[in-house]
Amino acid sequence: MKYLSTAKKYSSRLAVVAGTAATSAAVHAGDYSSQIATASSEANGNQTAVITAVVGLAVIGFGVSMFLRWLNK
């Protein structure tokens, strides 16, 4: 009975704290969407730069090897 009395006594305060915590969590979750979008666009840009560099090096390597083969003929 003592626990029931204590629960009734603090139930309104507990409800306010729980509501505030839920609202606070929802507000913080919305703040990261713009940062995620920014990171995604930066990642796409970095991926494009890496692919361009790798393909460029492959083309240069192929060109040098073909040039050296042509010189050895």
N, C-alpha and C. Protein backbone atom coordinates (compact mmCIF):
# COMPACT_ATOMS: atom_id res chain seq x y z
N MET A 1 0.80 -1.18 0.00
CA MET A 1 0.00 0.00 0.00
C MET A 1 0.86 1.26 0.00
N LYS A 2 2.01 1.16 0.64
CA LYS A 2 2.88 2.31 0.74
C LYS A 2 3.37 2.72 -0.66
N TYR A 3 3.68 1.72 -1.52
CA TYR A 3 4.16 2.01 -2.86
C TYR A 3 3.08 2.67 -3.72
N LEU A 4 1.84 2.22 -3.55
CA LEU A 4 0.72 2.80 -4.29
C LEU A 4 0.51 4.26 -3.90
N SER A 5 0.64 4.54 -2.64
CA SER A 5 0.50 5.91 -2.15
C SER A 5 1.62 6.80 -2.70
N THR A 6 2.82 6.28 -2.72
CA THR A 6 3.96 7.04 -3.25
C THR A 6 3.80 7.26 -4.74
N ALA A 7 3.33 6.26 -5.45
CA ALA A 7 3.13 6.38 -6.90
C ALA A 7 2.08 7.44 -7.20
N LYS A 8 1.01 7.46 -6.46
CA LYS A 8 -0.03 8.47 -6.67
C LYS A 8 0.51 9.87 -6.36
N LYS A 9 1.36 9.97 -5.37
CA LYS A 9 1.90 11.25 -4.95
C LYS A 9 2.80 11.86 -6.02
N TYR A 10 3.62 11.04 -6.66
CA TYR A 10 4.60 11.55 -7.63
C TYR A 10 4.21 11.30 -9.08
N SER A 11 3.02 10.82 -9.37
CA SER A 11 2.64 10.47 -10.73
C SER A 11 2.61 11.69 -11.65
N SER A 12 2.13 12.82 -11.18
CA SER A 12 2.06 14.00 -12.05
C SER A 12 3.46 14.51 -12.36
N ARG A 13 4.35 14.49 -11.42
CA ARG A 13 5.73 14.92 -11.67
C ARG A 13 6.44 13.98 -12.63
N LEU A 14 6.19 12.70 -12.45
CA LEU A 14 6.80 11.70 -13.33
C LEU A 14 6.28 11.85 -14.76
N ALA A 15 5.01 12.15 -14.91
CA ALA A 15 4.44 12.35 -16.24
C ALA A 15 5.05 13.57 -16.92
N VAL A 16 5.26 14.63 -16.16
CA VAL A 16 5.88 15.84 -16.73
C VAL A 16 7.31 15.55 -17.16
N VAL A 17 8.06 14.86 -16.35
CA VAL A 17 9.45 14.53 -16.69
C VAL A 17 9.50 13.63 -17.91
N ALA A 18 8.63 12.62 -17.97
CA ALA A 18 8.61 11.71 -19.12
C ALA A 18 8.20 12.45 -20.39
N GLY A 19 7.25 13.33 -20.30
CA GLY A 19 6.83 14.11 -21.47
C GLY A 19 7.93 15.04 -21.95
N THR A 20 8.61 15.67 -21.02
CA THR A 20 9.71 16.56 -21.38
C THR A 20 10.85 15.79 -22.04
N ALA A 21 11.15 14.62 -21.51
CA ALA A 21 12.22 13.80 -22.08
C ALA A 21 11.86 13.34 -23.49
N ALA A 22 10.62 12.95 -23.70
CA ALA A 22 10.19 12.50 -25.03
C ALA A 22 10.23 13.65 -26.03
N THR A 23 9.80 14.82 -25.63
CA THR A 23 9.83 15.99 -26.50
C THR A 23 11.26 16.40 -26.82
N SER A 24 12.12 16.35 -25.81
CA SER A 24 13.52 16.70 -26.01
C SER A 24 14.19 15.73 -26.98
N ALA A 25 13.89 14.46 -26.86
CA ALA A 25 14.47 13.46 -27.76
C ALA A 25 13.99 13.68 -29.18
N ALA A 26 12.74 14.03 -29.35
CA ALA A 26 12.21 14.27 -30.70
C ALA A 26 12.85 15.51 -31.32
N VAL A 27 13.09 16.53 -30.54
CA VAL A 27 13.72 17.75 -31.05
C VAL A 27 15.15 17.48 -31.46
N HIS A 28 15.89 16.74 -30.68
CA HIS A 28 17.28 16.44 -31.01
C HIS A 28 17.39 15.52 -32.22
N ALA A 29 16.44 14.64 -32.42
CA ALA A 29 16.49 13.74 -33.57
C ALA A 29 16.32 14.51 -34.87
N GLY A 30 15.56 15.58 -34.88
CA GLY A 30 15.35 16.37 -36.08
C GLY A 30 16.55 17.22 -36.46
N ASP A 31 17.42 17.51 -35.52
CA ASP A 31 18.57 18.37 -35.79
C ASP A 31 19.62 17.71 -36.68
N TYR A 32 19.67 16.40 -36.73
CA TYR A 32 20.73 15.71 -37.44
C TYR A 32 20.41 15.47 -38.92
N SER A 33 19.21 15.73 -39.36
CA SER A 33 18.86 15.44 -40.75
C SER A 33 19.65 16.31 -41.72
N SER A 34 19.87 17.57 -41.39
CA SER A 34 20.65 18.43 -42.28
C SER A 34 22.11 18.02 -42.30
N GLN A 35 22.64 17.59 -41.17
CA GLN A 35 24.03 17.15 -41.11
C GLN A 35 24.21 15.85 -41.89
N ILE A 36 23.24 14.97 -41.84
CA ILE A 36 23.31 13.72 -42.60
C ILE A 36 23.28 14.02 -44.08
N ALA A 37 22.44 14.94 -44.50
CA ALA A 37 22.36 15.30 -45.92
C ALA A 37 23.67 15.93 -46.39
N THR A 38 24.27 16.77 -45.57
CA THR A 38 25.56 17.39 -45.92
C THR A 38 26.65 16.34 -46.03
N ALA A 39 26.70 15.42 -45.09
CA ALA A 39 27.71 14.36 -45.12
C ALA A 39 27.52 13.45 -46.33
N SER A 40 26.28 13.20 -46.69
CA SER A 40 26.00 12.37 -47.86
C SER A 40 26.48 13.03 -49.15
N SER A 41 26.23 14.31 -49.29
CA SER A 41 26.68 15.00 -50.50
C SER A 41 28.20 15.10 -50.55
N GLU A 42 28.84 15.30 -49.40
CA GLU A 42 30.31 15.32 -49.37
C GLU A 42 30.88 13.95 -49.70
N ALA A 43 30.24 12.90 -49.23
CA ALA A 43 30.71 11.55 -49.53
C ALA A 43 30.59 11.26 -51.02
N ASN A 44 29.51 11.70 -51.64
CA ASN A 44 29.36 11.50 -53.08
C ASN A 44 30.43 12.26 -53.85
N GLY A 45 30.75 13.45 -53.42
CA GLY A 45 31.81 14.22 -54.07
C GLY A 45 33.17 13.56 -53.91
N ASN A 46 33.45 13.05 -52.71
CA ASN A 46 34.72 12.37 -52.48
C ASN A 46 34.82 11.09 -53.31
N GLN A 47 33.72 10.37 -53.42
CA GLN A 47 33.71 9.14 -54.20
C GLN A 47 33.97 9.44 -55.67
N THR A 48 33.38 10.50 -56.18
CA THR A 48 33.60 10.89 -57.57
C THR A 48 35.07 11.28 -57.79
N ALA A 49 35.65 11.99 -56.84
CA ALA A 49 37.06 12.39 -56.96
C ALA A 49 37.99 11.18 -56.95
N VAL A 50 37.71 10.21 -56.10
CA VAL A 50 38.55 9.01 -56.02
C VAL A 50 38.43 8.20 -57.30
N ILE A 51 37.22 8.04 -57.81
CA ILE A 51 37.04 7.27 -59.05
C ILE A 51 37.75 7.96 -60.20
N THR A 52 37.65 9.27 -60.28
CA THR A 52 38.32 10.03 -61.33
C THR A 52 39.84 9.85 -61.24
N ALA A 53 40.38 9.91 -60.03
CA ALA A 53 41.82 9.75 -59.84
C ALA A 53 42.28 8.35 -60.23
N VAL A 54 41.54 7.34 -59.83
CA VAL A 54 41.94 5.96 -60.14
C VAL A 54 41.87 5.70 -61.64
N VAL A 55 40.82 6.16 -62.28
CA VAL A 55 40.71 5.97 -63.73
C VAL A 55 41.80 6.76 -64.44
N GLY A 56 42.09 7.96 -63.99
CA GLY A 56 43.15 8.76 -64.59
C GLY A 56 44.51 8.09 -64.48
N LEU A 57 44.81 7.54 -63.31
CA LEU A 57 46.08 6.83 -63.14
C LEU A 57 46.15 5.58 -64.01
N ALA A 58 45.03 4.88 -64.16
CA ALA A 58 45.01 3.69 -65.01
C ALA A 58 45.26 4.08 -66.47
N VAL A 59 44.67 5.16 -66.91
CA VAL A 59 44.87 5.62 -68.30
C VAL A 59 46.32 6.04 -68.51
N ILE A 60 46.88 6.76 -67.55
CA ILE A 60 48.29 7.17 -67.67
C ILE A 60 49.21 5.95 -67.67
N GLY A 61 48.97 5.01 -66.80
CA GLY A 61 49.78 3.79 -66.75
C GLY A 61 49.69 3.00 -68.04
N PHE A 62 48.50 2.88 -68.59
CA PHE A 62 48.32 2.17 -69.85
C PHE A 62 49.04 2.91 -70.98
N GLY A 63 48.92 4.23 -71.00
CA GLY A 63 49.56 5.01 -72.04
C GLY A 63 51.07 4.92 -71.99
N VAL A 64 51.65 4.96 -70.79
CA VAL A 64 53.10 4.85 -70.64
C VAL A 64 53.57 3.47 -71.08
N SER A 65 52.85 2.43 -70.67
CA SER A 65 53.28 1.08 -71.05
C SER A 65 53.18 0.89 -72.57
N MET A 66 52.16 1.42 -73.20
CA MET A 66 52.05 1.30 -74.66
C MET A 66 53.15 2.11 -75.37
N PHE A 67 53.49 3.27 -74.82
CA PHE A 67 54.56 4.08 -75.38
C PHE A 67 55.90 3.36 -75.27
N LEU A 68 56.15 2.73 -74.13
CA LEU A 68 57.41 2.01 -73.96
C LEU A 68 57.48 0.79 -74.88
N ARG A 69 56.37 0.11 -75.08
CA ARG A 69 56.35 -1.01 -76.04
C ARG A 69 56.61 -0.53 -77.45
N TRP A 70 56.06 0.63 -77.79
CA TRP A 70 56.27 1.18 -79.13
C TRP A 70 57.73 1.56 -79.33
N LEU A 71 58.38 2.09 -78.26
CA LEU A 71 59.78 2.45 -78.37
C LEU A 71 60.68 1.23 -78.49
N ASN A 72 60.31 0.11 -77.89
CA ASN A 72 61.14 -1.09 -77.94
C ASN A 72 61.03 -1.83 -79.27
N LYS A 73 60.10 -1.50 -80.12
CA LYS A 73 59.96 -2.19 -81.41
C LYS A 73 61.05 -1.84 -82.33
